[in-house]
C-alpha atoms as a PDB file:
ATOM      1  CA  MET A   1     -91.613-135.149  85.348  1.00  0.00           C
ATOM      2  CA  ARG A   2     -90.902-131.346  86.240  1.00  0.00           C
ATOM      3  CA  VAL A   3     -87.724-131.559  84.412  1.00  0.00           C
ATOM      4  CA  LYS A   4     -89.846-133.235  81.177  1.00  0.00           C
ATOM      5  CA  LYS A   5     -92.159-130.147  81.417  1.00  0.00           C
ATOM      6  CA  ALA A   6     -89.513-127.888  81.713  1.00  0.00           C
ATOM      7  CA  LEU A   7     -87.666-129.055  78.287  1.00  0.00           C
ATOM      8  CA  PHE A   8     -90.959-128.757  76.569  1.00  0.00           C
ATOM      9  CA  MET A   9     -91.574-125.411  77.768  1.00  0.00           C
ATOM     10  CA  ALA A  10     -87.919-124.206  76.956  1.00  0.00           C
ATOM     11  CA  LEU A  11     -88.323-126.473  73.733  1.00  0.00           C
ATOM     12  CA  GLY A  12     -91.984-124.308  72.642  1.00  0.00           C
ATOM     13  CA  CYS A  13     -89.912-121.047  73.774  1.00  0.00           C
ATOM     14  CA  VAL A  14     -87.065-121.645  71.000  1.00  0.00           C
ATOM     15  CA  GLY A  15     -89.817-122.891  68.221  1.00  0.00           C
ATOM     16  CA  LEU A  16     -91.803-119.801  69.603  1.00  0.00           C
ATOM     17  CA  VAL A  17     -89.025-117.166  68.925  1.00  0.00           C
ATOM     18  CA  LEU A  18     -87.907-119.161  65.573  1.00  0.00           C
ATOM     19  CA  GLY A  19     -91.001-119.483  64.369  1.00  0.00           C
ATOM     20  CA  ALA A  20     -91.807-115.410  65.424  1.00  0.00           C
ATOM     21  CA  ILE A  21     -88.510-114.313  63.113  1.00  0.00           C
ATOM     22  CA  GLY A  22     -89.603-116.700  60.309  1.00  0.00           C
ATOM     23  CA  ALA A  23     -92.796-115.065  59.779  1.00  0.00           C
ATOM     24  CA  VAL A  24     -91.632-111.345  59.244  1.00  0.00           C
ATOM     25  CA  LEU A  25     -88.248-112.829  57.713  1.00  0.00           C
ATOM     26  CA  PRO A  26     -88.523-114.789  54.176  1.00  0.00           C
ATOM     27  CA  LEU A  27     -85.817-116.762  54.468  1.00  0.00           C
ATOM     28  CA  LEU A  28     -86.855-118.213  57.988  1.00  0.00           C
ATOM     29  CA  PRO A  29     -89.897-120.658  57.696  1.00  0.00           C
ATOM     30  CA  ALA A  30     -92.033-120.025  60.565  1.00  0.00           C
ATOM     31  CA  PHE A  31     -94.359-123.205  59.740  1.00  0.00           C
ATOM     32  CA  PRO A  32     -91.800-125.884  61.377  1.00  0.00           C
ATOM     33  CA  PHE A  33     -91.272-123.677  64.260  1.00  0.00           C
ATOM     34  CA  LEU A  34     -94.449-122.668  65.033  1.00  0.00           C
ATOM     35  CA  LEU A  35     -95.455-126.432  64.880  1.00  0.00           C
ATOM     36  CA  LEU A  36     -93.017-127.568  67.654  1.00  0.00           C
ATOM     37  CA  ALA A  37     -93.856-124.201  69.658  1.00  0.00           C
ATOM     38  CA  ALA A  38     -97.536-125.895  69.505  1.00  0.00           C
ATOM     39  CA  PHE A  39     -96.529-129.486  69.964  1.00  0.00           C
ATOM     40  CA  CYS A  40     -93.961-128.437  73.069  1.00  0.00           C
ATOM     41  CA  PHE A  41     -96.440-126.237  74.189  1.00  0.00           C
ATOM     42  CA  ALA A  42     -99.726-129.132  74.389  1.00  0.00           C
ATOM     43  CA  LYS A  43     -96.754-131.295  76.512  1.00  0.00           C
ATOM     44  CA  SER A  44     -95.710-128.708  78.955  1.00  0.00           C
ATOM     45  CA  SER A  45     -98.902-126.602  79.879  1.00  0.00           C
ATOM     46  CA  GLU A  46    -102.646-126.651  79.742  1.00  0.00           C
ATOM     47  CA  ARG A  47    -102.156-122.313  80.227  1.00  0.00           C
ATOM     48  CA  LEU A  48     -98.741-122.048  77.582  1.00  0.00           C
ATOM     49  CA  HIS A  49    -100.543-123.815  75.502  1.00  0.00           C
ATOM     50  CA  ALA A  50    -103.927-122.243  75.425  1.00  0.00           C
ATOM     51  CA  TRP A  51    -102.285-118.837  75.121  1.00  0.00           C
ATOM     52  CA  PHE A  52    -100.560-119.464  72.353  1.00  0.00           C
ATOM     53  CA  THR A  53    -103.390-120.918  70.705  1.00  0.00           C
ATOM     54  CA  GLY A  54    -104.826-117.255  71.067  1.00  0.00           C
ATOM     55  CA  THR A  55    -102.121-115.759  69.262  1.00  0.00           C
ATOM     56  CA  ARG A  56    -102.277-114.361  65.988  1.00  0.00           C
ATOM     57  CA  LEU A  57     -99.358-115.829  65.323  1.00  0.00           C
ATOM     58  CA  TYR A  58    -100.566-119.350  65.755  1.00  0.00           C
ATOM     59  CA  ARG A  59    -104.051-118.326  64.004  1.00  0.00           C
ATOM     60  CA  ASP A  60    -102.601-116.613  60.674  1.00  0.00           C
ATOM     61  CA  ASN A  61     -99.876-119.506  60.342  1.00  0.00           C
ATOM     62  CA  LEU A  62    -101.273-122.849  61.742  1.00  0.00           C
ATOM     63  CA  GLU A  63    -105.121-123.193  62.562  1.00  0.00           C
ATOM     64  CA  SER A  64    -106.144-123.867  59.280  1.00  0.00           C
ATOM     65  CA  PHE A  65    -103.311-126.773  59.019  1.00  0.00           C
ATOM     66  CA  VAL A  66    -104.222-127.830  62.540  1.00  0.00           C
ATOM     67  CA  ALA A  67    -108.040-127.945  61.980  1.00  0.00           C
ATOM     68  CA  GLY A  68    -107.375-130.105  59.138  1.00  0.00           C
ATOM     69  CA  GLN A  69    -108.497-127.186  56.346  1.00  0.00           C
ATOM     70  CA  GLY A  70    -105.184-127.162  54.720  1.00  0.00           C
ATOM     71  CA  MET A  71    -102.783-124.168  53.200  1.00  0.00           C
ATOM     72  CA  THR A  72    -103.451-121.714  51.173  1.00  0.00           C
ATOM     73  CA  ARG A  73    -102.029-121.838  47.980  1.00  0.00           C
ATOM     74  CA  ARG A  74     -99.577-118.517  48.768  1.00  0.00           C
ATOM     75  CA  THR A  75     -99.033-120.431  51.852  1.00  0.00           C
ATOM     76  CA  LYS A  76     -97.607-123.616  50.752  1.00  0.00           C
ATOM     77  CA  VAL A  77     -95.681-121.981  47.551  1.00  0.00           C
ATOM     78  CA  ARG A  78     -93.987-119.993  50.422  1.00  0.00           C
ATOM     79  CA  VAL A  79     -92.765-122.780  52.519  1.00  0.00           C
ATOM     80  CA  MET A  80     -91.674-124.980  49.477  1.00  0.00           C
ATOM     81  CA  VAL A  81     -89.448-121.777  48.120  1.00  0.00           C
ATOM     82  CA  THR A  82     -87.963-120.773  51.461  1.00  0.00           C
ATOM     83  CA  VAL A  83     -87.595-124.698  52.135  1.00  0.00           C
ATOM     84  CA  THR A  84     -85.569-125.108  48.453  1.00  0.00           C
ATOM     85  CA  LEU A  85     -83.720-121.915  48.766  1.00  0.00           C
ATOM     86  CA  LEU A  86     -82.233-123.091  52.386  1.00  0.00           C
ATOM     87  CA  MET A  87     -81.986-126.318  50.965  1.00  0.00           C
ATOM     88  CA  SER A  88     -79.695-125.487  47.266  1.00  0.00           C
ATOM     89  CA  VAL A  89     -77.324-123.311  49.806  1.00  0.00           C
ATOM     90  CA  GLY A  90     -77.004-126.928  51.797  1.00  0.00           C
ATOM     91  CA  PHE A  91     -76.685-129.404  48.358  1.00  0.00           C
ATOM     92  CA  ALA A  92     -73.921-126.304  47.447  1.00  0.00           C
ATOM     93  CA  MET A  93     -71.908-126.692  50.189  1.00  0.00           C
ATOM     94  CA  MET A  94     -72.231-130.527  50.074  1.00  0.00           C
ATOM     95  CA  HIS A  95     -70.208-130.355  46.738  1.00  0.00           C
ATOM     96  CA  ALA A  96     -67.375-132.769  47.642  1.00  0.00           C
ATOM     97  CA  VAL A  97     -70.049-134.774  49.153  1.00  0.00           C
ATOM     98  CA  ARG A  98     -72.108-136.635  46.927  1.00  0.00           C
ATOM     99  CA  VAL A  99     -73.928-138.617  49.439  1.00  0.00           C
ATOM    100  CA  GLY A 100     -75.088-135.685  51.509  1.00  0.00           C
ATOM    101  CA  GLN A 101     -76.355-134.224  47.771  1.00  0.00           C
ATOM    102  CA  VAL A 102     -78.463-137.235  47.634  1.00  0.00           C
ATOM    103  CA  VAL A 103     -80.074-137.452  51.124  1.00  0.00           C
ATOM    104  CA  LEU A 104     -80.829-133.264  50.796  1.00  0.00           C
ATOM    105  CA  ALA A 105     -82.775-134.288  47.298  1.00  0.00           C
ATOM    106  CA  CYS A 106     -84.133-136.936  48.281  1.00  0.00           C
ATOM    107  CA  VAL A 107     -85.085-134.835  51.575  1.00  0.00           C
ATOM    108  CA  TRP A 108     -86.241-132.194  48.894  1.00  0.00           C
ATOM    109  CA  VAL A 109     -88.301-134.138  46.675  1.00  0.00           C
ATOM    110  CA  PHE A 110     -90.112-135.865  49.277  1.00  0.00           C
ATOM    111  CA  HIS A 111     -90.542-132.414  51.055  1.00  0.00           C
ATOM    112  CA  ILE A 112     -91.923-130.798  47.205  1.00  0.00           C
ATOM    113  CA  LEU A 113     -94.386-133.839  47.555  1.00  0.00           C
ATOM    114  CA  TYR A 114     -95.678-133.714  50.606  1.00  0.00           C
ATOM    115  CA  PHE A 115     -96.722-129.925  49.973  1.00  0.00           C
ATOM    116  CA  CYS A 116     -98.231-130.714  46.669  1.00  0.00           C
ATOM    117  CA  PHE A 117     -99.968-134.232  47.118  1.00  0.00           C
ATOM    118  CA  GLY A 118    -100.438-134.364  51.273  1.00  0.00           C
ATOM    119  CA  VAL A 119    -101.543-130.925  52.720  1.00  0.00           C
ATOM    120  CA  LYS A 120    -104.644-130.280  51.204  1.00  0.00           C
ATOM    121  CA  THR A 121    -105.605-126.924  49.547  1.00  0.00           C
ATOM    122  CA  LYS A 122    -107.573-124.196  50.957  1.00  0.00           C
ATOM    123  CA  PRO A 123    -109.228-121.390  48.830  1.00  0.00           C
ATOM    124  CA  GLU A 124    -107.739-117.990  49.132  1.00  0.00           C
ATOM    125  CA  ALA A 125    -110.990-116.768  49.444  1.00  0.00           C
ATOM    126  CA  ALA A 126    -111.310-118.518  52.920  1.00  0.00           C
ATOM    127  CA  GLU A 127    -108.017-117.697  54.157  1.00  0.00           C
ATOM    128  CA  ALA A 128    -109.584-113.812  54.390  1.00  0.00           C
END
């Protein structure tokens, strides 16, 4: 049981670091890494999870989504543009692997559909 908690804690720390970098760099999406960190910290330690949910990084990026309130349009667009740019690089690098391109295209389409129709859009005024 201790090994499992240690693995969740380590994976949560990796997610936190990548999420913090992604919050600063526009090419790295912060949202999925911070979700990973929240999940792993919840599985590893109540104290660590309580600390993480109290950070500004969590409040600014995940709190409204986790609470079921959705994301602002600006946040949704930022996530979709970032993922589109990153996936287009992979798509271009797979020019000789048509099956890989088809898979990436399908994942991209489902990603866009999920963020457009699956994630609630929170009004911008509620963000401030």
